Amino acid sequence: MRKKLLILDDNASFAESLADVLSQQGFEVQWSAQASKARVLARTFLPDVLIVDINLVTTSGIEVAQQFARERLANGFVFLTGSVDMDHRQIPAALKGIAVVLHKPVAKEDLLSAVEMLSREGPELDGKVADSTPSRPS
């Protein structure tokens, strides 16, 4: 079964481009530029992983992820950020082990690795903190 990914980024061009790339990698992908629409979409699409920009115009991507987690609308979360100050230490405790922070511009390999890790089913993720932030070249 193909893994389902939902992308939430208020930059529609970026979200659509990312969706195209991930679709070409064999994932079933939907995207939205608005948090409220993403929540509605998630209820029918049932994504394995939510890929969300941390700095949305109308809300925080972290807040959206916390709502998705409470409502069990996704099993894992990839936070995308352009901020060099954001890293795994800012992930709320409730999302530790099911969330990864990646910095923009994100390398396709890093994103694919994070999605694969977070979309695995079974006990292999239990207790593991998926907060690895890839090293960035200096």
C-alpha atoms as a PDB file:
ATOM      1  CA  MET A   1       0.000   0.000   0.000  1.00  0.00           C
ATOM      2  CA  ARG A   2       1.310   3.429  -0.945  1.00  0.00           C
ATOM      3  CA  LYS A   3       2.079   5.752   1.935  1.00  0.00           C
ATOM      4  CA  LYS A   4      -0.136   8.833   2.127  1.00  0.00           C
ATOM      5  CA  LEU A   5       1.359  12.275   2.669  1.00  0.00           C
ATOM      6  CA  LEU A   6      -0.425  15.550   3.306  1.00  0.00           C
ATOM      7  CA  ILE A   7       1.504  18.764   2.716  1.00  0.00           C
ATOM      8  CA  LEU A   8       0.470  21.992   4.421  1.00  0.00           C
ATOM      9  CA  ASP A   9       2.354  25.079   3.299  1.00  0.00           C
ATOM     10  CA  ASP A  10       0.891  28.537   2.671  1.00  0.00           C
ATOM     11  CA  ASN A  11       3.227  28.854  -0.314  1.00  0.00           C
ATOM     12  CA  ALA A  12       0.990  27.021  -2.794  1.00  0.00           C
ATOM     13  CA  SER A  13       3.682  26.832  -5.489  1.00  0.00           C
ATOM     14  CA  PHE A  14       6.089  25.181  -3.089  1.00  0.00           C
ATOM     15  CA  ALA A  15       3.438  22.775  -1.775  1.00  0.00           C
ATOM     16  CA  GLU A  16       2.387  21.765  -5.276  1.00  0.00           C
ATOM     17  CA  SER A  17       5.991  21.289  -6.421  1.00  0.00           C
ATOM     18  CA  LEU A  18       6.787  19.201  -3.357  1.00  0.00           C
ATOM     19  CA  ALA A  19       3.649  17.130  -3.957  1.00  0.00           C
ATOM     20  CA  ASP A  20       4.790  16.463  -7.535  1.00  0.00           C
ATOM     21  CA  VAL A  21       8.246  15.343  -6.397  1.00  0.00           C
ATOM     22  CA  LEU A  22       6.836  13.031  -3.732  1.00  0.00           C
ATOM     23  CA  SER A  23       4.221  11.610  -6.110  1.00  0.00           C
ATOM     24  CA  GLN A  24       7.013  10.721  -8.517  1.00  0.00           C
ATOM     25  CA  GLN A  25       8.630   8.808  -5.654  1.00  0.00           C
ATOM     26  CA  GLY A  26       5.533   6.613  -5.321  1.00  0.00           C
ATOM     27  CA  PHE A  27       3.667   8.348  -2.506  1.00  0.00           C
ATOM     28  CA  GLU A  28      -0.010   9.258  -2.601  1.00  0.00           C
ATOM     29  CA  VAL A  29       0.044  13.001  -1.936  1.00  0.00           C
ATOM     30  CA  GLN A  30      -2.476  15.746  -1.262  1.00  0.00           C
ATOM     31  CA  TRP A  31      -1.655  19.333  -0.371  1.00  0.00           C
ATOM     32  CA  SER A  32      -3.295  22.433   1.013  1.00  0.00           C
ATOM     33  CA  ALA A  33      -2.258  26.030   1.541  1.00  0.00           C
ATOM     34  CA  GLN A  34      -4.702  26.511   4.453  1.00  0.00           C
ATOM     35  CA  ALA A  35      -4.731  24.757   7.830  1.00  0.00           C
ATOM     36  CA  SER A  36      -8.528  24.559   8.040  1.00  0.00           C
ATOM     37  CA  LYS A  37      -8.759  22.927   4.611  1.00  0.00           C
ATOM     38  CA  ALA A  38      -5.909  20.548   5.463  1.00  0.00           C
ATOM     39  CA  ARG A  39      -7.801  19.376   8.555  1.00  0.00           C
ATOM     40  CA  VAL A  40     -10.939  18.677   6.500  1.00  0.00           C
ATOM     41  CA  LEU A  41      -8.882  16.934   3.831  1.00  0.00           C
ATOM     42  CA  ALA A  42      -7.087  14.804   6.447  1.00  0.00           C
ATOM     43  CA  ARG A  43     -10.362  13.414   7.762  1.00  0.00           C
ATOM     44  CA  THR A  44     -11.076  11.746   4.418  1.00  0.00           C
ATOM     45  CA  PHE A  45      -7.553  11.253   3.057  1.00  0.00           C
ATOM     46  CA  LEU A  46      -6.127   9.808   6.323  1.00  0.00           C
ATOM     47  CA  PRO A  47      -2.443  10.664   5.770  1.00  0.00           C
ATOM     48  CA  ASP A  48       0.365   8.663   7.318  1.00  0.00           C
ATOM     49  CA  VAL A  49       2.525  11.791   7.583  1.00  0.00           C
ATOM     50  CA  LEU A  50       1.795  15.515   7.641  1.00  0.00           C
ATOM     51  CA  ILE A  51       4.537  17.665   6.111  1.00  0.00           C
ATOM     52  CA  VAL A  52       3.962  21.160   7.459  1.00  0.00           C
ATOM     53  CA  ASP A  53       5.664  24.538   7.314  1.00  0.00           C
ATOM     54  CA  ILE A  54       6.280  25.747  10.846  1.00  0.00           C
ATOM     55  CA  ASN A  55       5.646  29.414  10.028  1.00  0.00           C
ATOM     56  CA  LEU A  56       2.221  29.500   8.420  1.00  0.00           C
ATOM     57  CA  VAL A  57       0.695  32.948   7.909  1.00  0.00           C
ATOM     58  CA  THR A  58      -2.429  32.313   9.986  1.00  0.00           C
ATOM     59  CA  THR A  59      -1.142  29.831  12.570  1.00  0.00           C
ATOM     60  CA  SER A  60       1.825  27.799  13.719  1.00  0.00           C
ATOM     61  CA  GLY A  61       2.609  24.515  11.997  1.00  0.00           C
ATOM     62  CA  ILE A  62       3.421  23.102  15.424  1.00  0.00           C
ATOM     63  CA  GLU A  63      -0.079  23.982  16.665  1.00  0.00           C
ATOM     64  CA  VAL A  64      -1.595  22.336  13.592  1.00  0.00           C
ATOM     65  CA  ALA A  65       0.480  19.198  14.185  1.00  0.00           C
ATOM     66  CA  GLN A  66      -0.619  19.072  17.820  1.00  0.00           C
ATOM     67  CA  GLN A  67      -4.263  19.259  16.706  1.00  0.00           C
ATOM     68  CA  PHE A  68      -3.677  16.528  14.115  1.00  0.00           C
ATOM     69  CA  ALA A  69      -2.011  14.355  16.776  1.00  0.00           C
ATOM     70  CA  ARG A  70      -4.875  14.863  19.263  1.00  0.00           C
ATOM     71  CA  GLU A  71      -7.433  13.987  16.591  1.00  0.00           C
ATOM     72  CA  ARG A  72      -5.258  11.147  15.253  1.00  0.00           C
ATOM     73  CA  LEU A  73      -5.295  12.625  11.751  1.00  0.00           C
ATOM     74  CA  ALA A  74      -1.664  11.657  11.051  1.00  0.00           C
ATOM     75  CA  ASN A  75       0.906   9.296  12.548  1.00  0.00           C
ATOM     76  CA  GLY A  76       4.001  11.403  11.981  1.00  0.00           C
ATOM     77  CA  PHE A  77       5.027  14.974  11.262  1.00  0.00           C
ATOM     78  CA  VAL A  78       7.770  16.592   9.215  1.00  0.00           C
ATOM     79  CA  PHE A  79       8.251  20.243  10.103  1.00  0.00           C
ATOM     80  CA  LEU A  80       9.796  22.422   7.412  1.00  0.00           C
ATOM     81  CA  THR A  81      11.429  25.667   8.428  1.00  0.00           C
ATOM     82  CA  GLY A  82      13.550  28.398   6.944  1.00  0.00           C
ATOM     83  CA  SER A  83      14.647  29.515  10.407  1.00  0.00           C
ATOM     84  CA  VAL A  84      18.157  28.545  11.422  1.00  0.00           C
ATOM     85  CA  ASP A  85      17.092  28.906  15.065  1.00  0.00           C
ATOM     86  CA  MET A  86      14.471  26.153  14.864  1.00  0.00           C
ATOM     87  CA  ASP A  87      15.503  22.599  15.642  1.00  0.00           C
ATOM     88  CA  HIS A  88      14.243  19.457  17.330  1.00  0.00           C
ATOM     89  CA  ARG A  89      14.466  21.056  20.791  1.00  0.00           C
ATOM     90  CA  GLN A  90      11.396  23.191  19.994  1.00  0.00           C
ATOM     91  CA  ILE A  91       9.221  20.146  19.268  1.00  0.00           C
ATOM     92  CA  PRO A  92       6.601  19.840  22.029  1.00  0.00           C
ATOM     93  CA  ALA A  93       6.919  16.772  24.267  1.00  0.00           C
ATOM     94  CA  ALA A  94       3.652  15.325  22.921  1.00  0.00           C
ATOM     95  CA  LEU A  95       5.205  15.125  19.437  1.00  0.00           C
ATOM     96  CA  LYS A  96       8.635  13.766  20.431  1.00  0.00           C
ATOM     97  CA  GLY A  97       9.313  10.525  18.649  1.00  0.00           C
ATOM     98  CA  ILE A  98       6.831  11.224  15.857  1.00  0.00           C
ATOM     99  CA  ALA A  99       8.256  14.448  14.431  1.00  0.00           C
ATOM    100  CA  VAL A 100      11.301  15.586  12.488  1.00  0.00           C
ATOM    101  CA  VAL A 101      12.523  19.121  11.749  1.00  0.00           C
ATOM    102  CA  LEU A 102      14.065  19.788   8.335  1.00  0.00           C
ATOM    103  CA  HIS A 103      15.493  23.104   7.180  1.00  0.00           C
ATOM    104  CA  LYS A 104      14.605  24.715   3.864  1.00  0.00           C
ATOM    105  CA  PRO A 105      15.812  24.271   1.279  1.00  0.00           C
ATOM    106  CA  VAL A 106      15.284  20.619   2.135  1.00  0.00           C
ATOM    107  CA  ALA A 107      17.250  17.950   0.326  1.00  0.00           C
ATOM    108  CA  LYS A 108      15.008  15.369  -1.326  1.00  0.00           C
ATOM    109  CA  GLU A 109      16.984  12.536   0.294  1.00  0.00           C
ATOM    110  CA  ASP A 110      16.502  13.998   3.793  1.00  0.00           C
ATOM    111  CA  LEU A 111      12.775  14.409   3.234  1.00  0.00           C
ATOM    112  CA  LEU A 112      12.370  10.890   1.848  1.00  0.00           C
ATOM    113  CA  SER A 113      14.334   9.442   4.761  1.00  0.00           C
ATOM    114  CA  ALA A 114      12.205  11.314   7.306  1.00  0.00           C
ATOM    115  CA  VAL A 115       8.945  10.288   5.634  1.00  0.00           C
ATOM    116  CA  GLU A 116      10.004   6.642   5.451  1.00  0.00           C
ATOM    117  CA  MET A 117      11.030   6.615   9.109  1.00  0.00           C
ATOM    118  CA  LEU A 118       7.826   8.295  10.289  1.00  0.00           C
ATOM    119  CA  SER A 119       5.473   6.238   8.139  1.00  0.00           C
ATOM    120  CA  ARG A 120       6.709   2.857   9.364  1.00  0.00           C
ATOM    121  CA  GLU A 121       4.154   0.890  11.268  1.00  0.00           C
ATOM    122  CA  GLY A 122       4.816  -1.242  14.289  1.00  0.00           C
ATOM    123  CA  PRO A 123       6.924  -1.022  17.431  1.00  0.00           C
ATOM    124  CA  GLU A 124      10.192   0.038  15.790  1.00  0.00           C
ATOM    125  CA  LEU A 125       9.364   3.719  16.409  1.00  0.00           C
ATOM    126  CA  ASP A 126       8.180   3.187  19.986  1.00  0.00           C
ATOM    127  CA  GLY A 127      10.365   5.189  22.297  1.00  0.00           C
ATOM    128  CA  LYS A 128      12.620   6.516  19.561  1.00  0.00           C
ATOM    129  CA  VAL A 129      12.990  10.247  19.245  1.00  0.00           C
ATOM    130  CA  ALA A 130      12.772  11.164  15.592  1.00  0.00           C
ATOM    131  CA  ASP A 131      14.322  14.541  16.075  1.00  0.00           C
ATOM    132  CA  SER A 132      17.359  14.233  13.895  1.00  0.00           C
ATOM    133  CA  THR A 133      18.065  17.461  12.134  1.00  0.00           C
ATOM    134  CA  PRO A 134      20.379  16.850   9.179  1.00  0.00           C
ATOM    135  CA  SER A 135      23.681  18.634   9.373  1.00  0.00           C
ATOM    136  CA  ARG A 136      23.959  21.641   7.122  1.00  0.00           C
ATOM    137  CA  PRO A 137      27.113  22.520   5.269  1.00  0.00           C
ATOM    138  CA  SER A 138      28.942  25.504   6.712  1.00  0.00           C
END
